[in-house]
Amino acid sequence: MGLLLISKRRIKCAVTSNMTFLPWNLISFHSKVMTLLPGDIISTGTPGAVVIRNGDVVSCEIDGFTPLVNSVQDLKVEN
């Protein structure tokens, strides 16, 4: 199961069986056009539109893996 959090708010919870393209198809396709290395991530997006803003922290959690956490920085906004 996968979980998407934005600034610690639970946004989405998903399972791979609901994906349009299943993981093994995505890995097969991408491995034909690029070398995939351990730790590489294939970002498939999220169902439905989610607005992220400057300063948000986006966390993607997948069972069995360390969470992937990134701070959002809008390069059009002056600091």
PDB file of N, CA and C in Angstrom:
ATOM      1  N   MET A   1       0.839  -1.167   0.000  1.00  0.00           N
ATOM      2  CA  MET A   1       0.000   0.000   0.000  1.00  0.00           C
ATOM      3  C   MET A   1       0.887   1.234   0.000  1.00  0.00           C
ATOM      4  N   GLY A   2       0.451   2.269  -0.683  1.00  0.00           N
ATOM      5  CA  GLY A   2       1.184   3.527  -0.727  1.00  0.00           C
ATOM      6  C   GLY A   2       0.384   4.632  -0.069  1.00  0.00           C
ATOM      7  N   LEU A   3       1.087   5.591   0.503  1.00  0.00           N
ATOM      8  CA  LEU A   3       0.451   6.690   1.210  1.00  0.00           C
ATOM      9  C   LEU A   3       1.141   7.978   0.822  1.00  0.00           C
ATOM     10  N   LEU A   4       0.355   9.025   0.508  1.00  0.00           N
ATOM     11  CA  LEU A   4       0.890  10.338   0.176  1.00  0.00           C
ATOM     12  C   LEU A   4       0.479  11.318   1.259  1.00  0.00           C
ATOM     13  N   LEU A   5       1.479  12.006   1.831  1.00  0.00           N
ATOM     14  CA  LEU A   5       1.228  13.022   2.845  1.00  0.00           C
ATOM     15  C   LEU A   5       1.769  14.347   2.341  1.00  0.00           C
ATOM     16  N   ILE A   6       1.033  15.422   2.567  1.00  0.00           N
ATOM     17  CA  ILE A   6       1.521  16.762   2.279  1.00  0.00           C
ATOM     18  C   ILE A   6       1.442  17.545   3.572  1.00  0.00           C
ATOM     19  N   SER A   7       2.602  18.001   4.039  1.00  0.00           N
ATOM     20  CA  SER A   7       2.717  18.707   5.317  1.00  0.00           C
ATOM     21  C   SER A   7       1.982  17.951   6.419  1.00  0.00           C
ATOM     22  N   LYS A   8       2.243  16.646   6.486  1.00  0.00           N
ATOM     23  CA  LYS A   8       1.725  15.713   7.493  1.00  0.00           C
ATOM     24  C   LYS A   8       0.213  15.455   7.388  1.00  0.00           C
ATOM     25  N   ARG A   9      -0.435  15.945   6.318  1.00  0.00           N
ATOM     26  CA  ARG A   9      -1.855  15.655   6.089  1.00  0.00           C
ATOM     27  C   ARG A   9      -1.955  14.479   5.128  1.00  0.00           C
ATOM     28  N   ARG A  10      -2.712  13.473   5.509  1.00  0.00           N
ATOM     29  CA  ARG A  10      -2.907  12.301   4.645  1.00  0.00           C
ATOM     30  C   ARG A  10      -3.736  12.731   3.436  1.00  0.00           C
ATOM     31  N   ILE A  11      -3.167  12.566   2.239  1.00  0.00           N
ATOM     32  CA  ILE A  11      -3.826  12.996   1.007  1.00  0.00           C
ATOM     33  C   ILE A  11      -4.405  11.802   0.258  1.00  0.00           C
ATOM     34  N   LYS A  12      -3.613  10.806   0.051  1.00  0.00           N
ATOM     35  CA  LYS A  12      -4.027   9.640  -0.731  1.00  0.00           C
ATOM     36  C   LYS A  12      -3.503   8.365  -0.100  1.00  0.00           C
ATOM     37  N   CYS A  13      -4.246   7.314  -0.276  1.00  0.00           N
ATOM     38  CA  CYS A  13      -3.816   5.976   0.111  1.00  0.00           C
ATOM     39  C   CYS A  13      -4.187   5.086  -1.073  1.00  0.00           C
ATOM     40  N   ALA A  14      -3.243   4.333  -1.595  1.00  0.00           N
ATOM     41  CA  ALA A  14      -3.507   3.592  -2.824  1.00  0.00           C
ATOM     42  C   ALA A  14      -2.868   2.206  -2.792  1.00  0.00           C
ATOM     43  N   VAL A  15      -3.389   1.343  -3.634  1.00  0.00           N
ATOM     44  CA  VAL A  15      -2.822   0.009  -3.823  1.00  0.00           C
ATOM     45  C   VAL A  15      -2.485  -0.160  -5.303  1.00  0.00           C
ATOM     46  N   THR A  16      -1.495  -0.989  -5.591  1.00  0.00           N
ATOM     47  CA  THR A  16      -1.051  -1.140  -6.978  1.00  0.00           C
ATOM     48  C   THR A  16      -2.114  -1.748  -7.883  1.00  0.00           C
ATOM     49  N   SER A  17      -3.053  -2.495  -7.322  1.00  0.00           N
ATOM     50  CA  SER A  17      -4.086  -3.109  -8.166  1.00  0.00           C
ATOM     51  C   SER A  17      -5.002  -2.077  -8.819  1.00  0.00           C
ATOM     52  N   ASN A  18      -4.988  -0.832  -8.331  1.00  0.00           N
ATOM     53  CA  ASN A  18      -5.804   0.234  -8.928  1.00  0.00           C
ATOM     54  C   ASN A  18      -5.061   1.041  -9.984  1.00  0.00           C
ATOM     55  N   MET A  19      -3.799   0.718 -10.227  1.00  0.00           N
ATOM     56  CA  MET A  19      -3.002   1.492 -11.182  1.00  0.00           C
ATOM     57  C   MET A  19      -3.403   1.164 -12.620  1.00  0.00           C
ATOM     58  N   THR A  20      -3.324   2.171 -13.492  1.00  0.00           N
ATOM     59  CA  THR A  20      -3.602   1.967 -14.916  1.00  0.00           C
ATOM     60  C   THR A  20      -2.547   1.045 -15.518  1.00  0.00           C
ATOM     61  N   PHE A  21      -1.279   1.311 -15.222  1.00  0.00           N
ATOM     62  CA  PHE A  21      -0.173   0.479 -15.686  1.00  0.00           C
ATOM     63  C   PHE A  21       0.454  -0.160 -14.454  1.00  0.00           C
ATOM     64  N   LEU A  22       0.498  -1.471 -14.416  1.00  0.00           N
ATOM     65  CA  LEU A  22       1.021  -2.165 -13.250  1.00  0.00           C
ATOM     66  C   LEU A  22       2.539  -2.007 -13.148  1.00  0.00           C
ATOM     67  N   PRO A  23       3.087  -2.103 -11.931  1.00  0.00           N
ATOM     68  CA  PRO A  23       4.512  -1.833 -11.731  1.00  0.00           C
ATOM     69  C   PRO A  23       5.439  -2.594 -12.664  1.00  0.00           C
ATOM     70  N   TRP A  24       5.195  -3.891 -12.895  1.00  0.00           N
ATOM     71  CA  TRP A  24       6.123  -4.646 -13.751  1.00  0.00           C
ATOM     72  C   TRP A  24       6.089  -4.145 -15.195  1.00  0.00           C
ATOM     73  N   ASN A  25       4.939  -3.630 -15.657  1.00  0.00           N
ATOM     74  CA  ASN A  25       4.878  -3.045 -16.998  1.00  0.00           C
ATOM     75  C   ASN A  25       5.670  -1.740 -17.053  1.00  0.00           C
ATOM     76  N   LEU A  26       5.566  -0.929 -16.016  1.00  0.00           N
ATOM     77  CA  LEU A  26       6.310   0.328 -15.957  1.00  0.00           C
ATOM     78  C   LEU A  26       7.811   0.074 -15.909  1.00  0.00           C
ATOM     79  N   ILE A  27       8.224  -0.880 -15.097  1.00  0.00           N
ATOM     80  CA  ILE A  27       9.650  -1.198 -14.992  1.00  0.00           C
ATOM     81  C   ILE A  27      10.168  -1.751 -16.315  1.00  0.00           C
ATOM     82  N   SER A  28       9.405  -2.611 -16.951  1.00  0.00           N
ATOM     83  CA  SER A  28       9.808  -3.167 -18.243  1.00  0.00           C
ATOM     84  C   SER A  28       9.985  -2.055 -19.277  1.00  0.00           C
ATOM     85  N   PHE A  29       8.999  -1.163 -19.369  1.00  0.00           N
ATOM     86  CA  PHE A  29       9.075  -0.069 -20.342  1.00  0.00           C
ATOM     87  C   PHE A  29      10.289   0.815 -20.081  1.00  0.00           C
ATOM     88  N   HIS A  30      10.435   1.293 -18.854  1.00  0.00           N
ATOM     89  CA  HIS A  30      11.518   2.234 -18.543  1.00  0.00           C
ATOM     90  C   HIS A  30      12.890   1.587 -18.672  1.00  0.00           C
ATOM     91  N   SER A  31      12.997   0.300 -18.356  1.00  0.00           N
ATOM     92  CA  SER A  31      14.307  -0.359 -18.457  1.00  0.00           C
ATOM     93  C   SER A  31      14.745  -0.541 -19.902  1.00  0.00           C
ATOM     94  N   LYS A  32      13.814  -0.417 -20.841  1.00  0.00           N
ATOM     95  CA  LYS A  32      14.173  -0.513 -22.266  1.00  0.00           C
ATOM     96  C   LYS A  32      14.748   0.799 -22.787  1.00  0.00           C
ATOM     97  N   VAL A  33      14.463   1.923 -22.111  1.00  0.00           N
ATOM     98  CA  VAL A  33      14.931   3.218 -22.607  1.00  0.00           C
ATOM     99  C   VAL A  33      15.967   3.863 -21.688  1.00  0.00           C
ATOM    100  N   MET A  34      16.205   3.273 -20.515  1.00  0.00           N
ATOM    101  CA  MET A  34      17.206   3.815 -19.600  1.00  0.00           C
ATOM    102  C   MET A  34      17.687   2.711 -18.665  1.00  0.00           C
ATOM    103  N   THR A  35      18.842   2.917 -18.097  1.00  0.00           N
ATOM    104  CA  THR A  35      19.362   1.970 -17.121  1.00  0.00           C
ATOM    105  C   THR A  35      18.765   2.296 -15.762  1.00  0.00           C
ATOM    106  N   LEU A  36      18.095   1.322 -15.170  1.00  0.00           N
ATOM    107  CA  LEU A  36      17.549   1.508 -13.830  1.00  0.00           C
ATOM    108  C   LEU A  36      18.535   0.944 -12.818  1.00  0.00           C
ATOM    109  N   LEU A  37      18.802   1.734 -11.780  1.00  0.00           N
ATOM    110  CA  LEU A  37      19.749   1.343 -10.745  1.00  0.00           C
ATOM    111  C   LEU A  37      19.021   1.170  -9.411  1.00  0.00           C
ATOM    112  N   PRO A  38      19.601   0.410  -8.484  1.00  0.00           N
ATOM    113  CA  PRO A  38      18.970   0.273  -7.169  1.00  0.00           C
ATOM    114  C   PRO A  38      18.707   1.643  -6.554  1.00  0.00           C
ATOM    115  N   GLY A  39      17.503   1.839  -6.054  1.00  0.00           N
ATOM    116  CA  GLY A  39      17.127   3.112  -5.445  1.00  0.00           C
ATOM    117  C   GLY A  39      16.434   4.064  -6.396  1.00  0.00           C
ATOM    118  N   ASP A  40      16.443   3.770  -7.714  1.00  0.00           N
ATOM    119  CA  ASP A  40      15.727   4.629  -8.668  1.00  0.00           C
ATOM    120  C   ASP A  40      14.230   4.599  -8.379  1.00  0.00           C
ATOM    121  N   ILE A  41      13.569   5.705  -8.660  1.00  0.00           N
ATOM    122  CA  ILE A  41      12.126   5.833  -8.443  1.00  0.00           C
ATOM    123  C   ILE A  41      11.468   6.180  -9.762  1.00  0.00           C
ATOM    124  N   ILE A  42      10.385   5.497 -10.072  1.00  0.00           N
ATOM    125  CA  ILE A  42       9.562   5.834 -11.229  1.00  0.00           C
ATOM    126  C   ILE A  42       8.307   6.486 -10.664  1.00  0.00           C
ATOM    127  N   SER A  43       8.205   7.785 -10.820  1.00  0.00           N
ATOM    128  CA  SER A  43       7.070   8.523 -10.273  1.00  0.00           C
ATOM    129  C   SER A  43       5.890   8.408 -11.227  1.00  0.00           C
ATOM    130  N   THR A  44       4.787   7.892 -10.728  1.00  0.00           N
ATOM    131  CA  THR A  44       3.611   7.667 -11.576  1.00  0.00           C
ATOM    132  C   THR A  44       2.497   8.669 -11.321  1.00  0.00           C
ATOM    133  N   GLY A  45       2.720   9.600 -10.425  1.00  0.00           N
ATOM    134  CA  GLY A  45       1.688  10.591 -10.123  1.00  0.00           C
ATOM    135  C   GLY A  45       0.731  10.081  -9.058  1.00  0.00           C
ATOM    136  N   THR A  46      -0.362  10.799  -8.904  1.00  0.00           N
ATOM    137  CA  THR A  46      -1.345  10.449  -7.891  1.00  0.00           C
ATOM    138  C   THR A  46      -2.736  10.562  -8.492  1.00  0.00           C
ATOM    139  N   PRO A  47      -3.646   9.711  -8.109  1.00  0.00           N
ATOM    140  CA  PRO A  47      -5.002   9.824  -8.653  1.00  0.00           C
ATOM    141  C   PRO A  47      -5.674  11.105  -8.171  1.00  0.00           C
ATOM    142  N   GLY A  48      -6.212  11.867  -9.091  1.00  0.00           N
ATOM    143  CA  GLY A  48      -6.850  13.132  -8.722  1.00  0.00           C
ATOM    144  C   GLY A  48      -5.816  14.234  -8.576  1.00  0.00           C
ATOM    145  N   ALA A  49      -6.264  15.447  -8.749  1.00  0.00           N
ATOM    146  CA  ALA A  49      -5.370  16.598  -8.650  1.00  0.00           C
ATOM    147  C   ALA A  49      -5.120  16.943  -7.188  1.00  0.00           C
ATOM    148  N   VAL A  50      -3.866  17.211  -6.866  1.00  0.00           N
ATOM    149  CA  VAL A  50      -3.481  17.628  -5.531  1.00  0.00           C
ATOM    150  C   VAL A  50      -2.634  18.887  -5.670  1.00  0.00           C
ATOM    151  N   VAL A  51      -3.007  19.935  -4.983  1.00  0.00           N
ATOM    152  CA  VAL A  51      -2.260  21.183  -5.044  1.00  0.00           C
ATOM    153  C   VAL A  51      -1.159  21.157  -3.991  1.00  0.00           C
ATOM    154  N   ILE A  52       0.062  21.410  -4.439  1.00  0.00           N
ATOM    155  CA  ILE A  52       1.158  21.569  -3.489  1.00  0.00           C
ATOM    156  C   ILE A  52       1.648  23.004  -3.596  1.00  0.00           C
ATOM    157  N   ARG A  53       2.085  23.534  -2.454  1.00  0.00           N
ATOM    158  CA  ARG A  53       2.478  24.940  -2.389  1.00  0.00           C
ATOM    159  C   ARG A  53       3.903  25.070  -1.858  1.00  0.00           C
ATOM    160  N   ASN A  54       4.492  26.224  -2.122  1.00  0.00           N
ATOM    161  CA  ASN A  54       5.809  26.544  -1.616  1.00  0.00           C
ATOM    162  C   ASN A  54       5.848  26.296  -0.102  1.00  0.00           C
ATOM    163  N   GLY A  55       6.843  25.553   0.353  1.00  0.00           N
ATOM    164  CA  GLY A  55       6.991  25.277   1.777  1.00  0.00           C
ATOM    165  C   GLY A  55       6.358  23.969   2.229  1.00  0.00           C
ATOM    166  N   ASP A  56       5.492  23.369   1.399  1.00  0.00           N
ATOM    167  CA  ASP A  56       4.913  22.071   1.761  1.00  0.00           C
ATOM    168  C   ASP A  56       6.017  21.016   1.827  1.00  0.00           C
ATOM    169  N   VAL A  57       5.768  19.987   2.591  1.00  0.00           N
ATOM    170  CA  VAL A  57       6.665  18.830   2.644  1.00  0.00           C
ATOM    171  C   VAL A  57       5.855  17.642   2.142  1.00  0.00           C
ATOM    172  N   VAL A  58       6.317  17.032   1.049  1.00  0.00           N
ATOM    173  CA  VAL A  58       5.621  15.904   0.439  1.00  0.00           C
ATOM    174  C   VAL A  58       6.333  14.623   0.857  1.00  0.00           C
ATOM    175  N   SER A  59       5.561  13.692   1.390  1.00  0.00           N
ATOM    176  CA  SER A  59       6.102  12.417   1.845  1.00  0.00           C
ATOM    177  C   SER A  59       5.364  11.283   1.157  1.00  0.00           C
ATOM    178  N   CYS A  60       6.112  10.385   0.566  1.00  0.00           N
ATOM    179  CA  CYS A  60       5.548   9.202  -0.079  1.00  0.00           C
ATOM    180  C   CYS A  60       6.000   7.989   0.728  1.00  0.00           C
ATOM    181  N   GLU A  61       5.033   7.230   1.217  1.00  0.00           N
ATOM    182  CA  GLU A  61       5.355   6.067   2.043  1.00  0.00           C
ATOM    183  C   GLU A  61       4.824   4.802   1.392  1.00  0.00           C
ATOM    184  N   ILE A  62       5.699   3.820   1.244  1.00  0.00           N
ATOM    185  CA  ILE A  62       5.342   2.532   0.662  1.00  0.00           C
ATOM    186  C   ILE A  62       5.745   1.458   1.660  1.00  0.00           C
ATOM    187  N   ASP A  63       4.829   0.541   1.943  1.00  0.00           N
ATOM    188  CA  ASP A  63       5.106  -0.525   2.902  1.00  0.00           C
ATOM    189  C   ASP A  63       6.440  -1.197   2.606  1.00  0.00           C
ATOM    190  N   GLY A  64       7.281  -1.303   3.627  1.00  0.00           N
ATOM    191  CA  GLY A  64       8.556  -1.991   3.488  1.00  0.00           C
ATOM    192  C   GLY A  64       9.713  -1.113   3.061  1.00  0.00           C
ATOM    193  N   PHE A  65       9.462   0.176   2.795  1.00  0.00           N
ATOM    194  CA  PHE A  65      10.516   1.088   2.340  1.00  0.00           C
ATOM    195  C   PHE A  65      10.600   2.306   3.256  1.00  0.00           C
ATOM    196  N   THR A  66      11.767   2.923   3.305  1.00  0.00           N
ATOM    197  CA  THR A  66      11.937   4.173   4.031  1.00  0.00           C
ATOM    198  C   THR A  66      11.138   5.258   3.315  1.00  0.00           C
ATOM    199  N   PRO A  67      10.402   6.105   4.046  1.00  0.00           N
ATOM    200  CA  PRO A  67       9.632   7.170   3.385  1.00  0.00           C
ATOM    201  C   PRO A  67      10.529   8.095   2.559  1.00  0.00           C
ATOM    202  N   LEU A  68       9.994   8.571   1.442  1.00  0.00           N
ATOM    203  CA  LEU A  68      10.667   9.547   0.594  1.00  0.00           C
ATOM    204  C   LEU A  68      10.061  10.907   0.937  1.00  0.00           C
ATOM    205  N   VAL A  69      10.880  11.812   1.455  1.00  0.00           N
ATOM    206  CA  VAL A  69      10.381  13.101   1.928  1.00  0.00           C
ATOM    207  C   VAL A  69      11.105  14.220   1.183  1.00  0.00           C
ATOM    208  N   ASN A  70      10.327  15.146   0.607  1.00  0.00           N
ATOM    209  CA  ASN A  70      10.890  16.274  -0.128  1.00  0.00           C
ATOM    210  C   ASN A  70      10.177  17.561   0.252  1.00  0.00           C
ATOM    211  N   SER A  71      10.955  18.626   0.439  1.00  0.00           N
ATOM    212  CA  SER A  71      10.386  19.954   0.661  1.00  0.00           C
ATOM    213  C   SER A  71      10.098  20.587  -0.694  1.00  0.00           C
ATOM    214  N   VAL A  72       8.978  21.308  -0.785  1.00  0.00           N
ATOM    215  CA  VAL A  72       8.582  21.948  -2.036  1.00  0.00           C
ATOM    216  C   VAL A  72       9.114  23.378  -2.042  1.00  0.00           C
ATOM    217  N   GLN A  73       9.798  23.743  -3.118  1.00  0.00           N
ATOM    218  CA  GLN A  73      10.280  25.105  -3.275  1.00  0.00           C
ATOM    219  C   GLN A  73       9.817  25.617  -4.630  1.00  0.00           C
ATOM    220  N   ASP A  74       8.970  26.639  -4.605  1.00  0.00           N
ATOM    221  CA  ASP A  74       8.509  27.271  -5.834  1.00  0.00           C
ATOM    222  C   ASP A  74       9.585  28.251  -6.281  1.00  0.00           C
ATOM    223  N   LEU A  75      10.237  27.947  -7.379  1.00  0.00           N
ATOM    224  CA  LEU A  75      11.341  28.787  -7.854  1.00  0.00           C
ATOM    225  C   LEU A  75      10.891  30.151  -8.360  1.00  0.00           C
ATOM    226  N   LYS A  76       9.578  30.321  -8.541  1.00  0.00           N
ATOM    227  CA  LYS A  76       9.050  31.615  -8.981  1.00  0.00           C
ATOM    228  C   LYS A  76       8.805  32.557  -7.807  1.00  0.00           C
ATOM    229  N   VAL A  77       8.866  32.025  -6.586  1.00  0.00           N
ATOM    230  CA  VAL A  77       8.637  32.831  -5.387  1.00  0.00           C
ATOM    231  C   VAL A  77       9.975  33.256  -4.821  1.00  0.00           C
ATOM    232  N   GLU A  78      10.141  34.567  -4.603  1.00  0.00           N
ATOM    233  CA  GLU A  78      11.379  35.058  -4.030  1.00  0.00           C
ATOM    234  C   GLU A  78      11.392  34.783  -2.535  1.00  0.00           C
ATOM    235  N   ASN A  79      12.556  34.342  -2.041  1.00  0.00           N
ATOM    236  CA  ASN A  79      12.690  34.039  -0.596  1.00  0.00           C
ATOM    237  C   ASN A  79      13.110  35.263   0.164  1.00  0.00           C
TER     238      ASN A  79
END
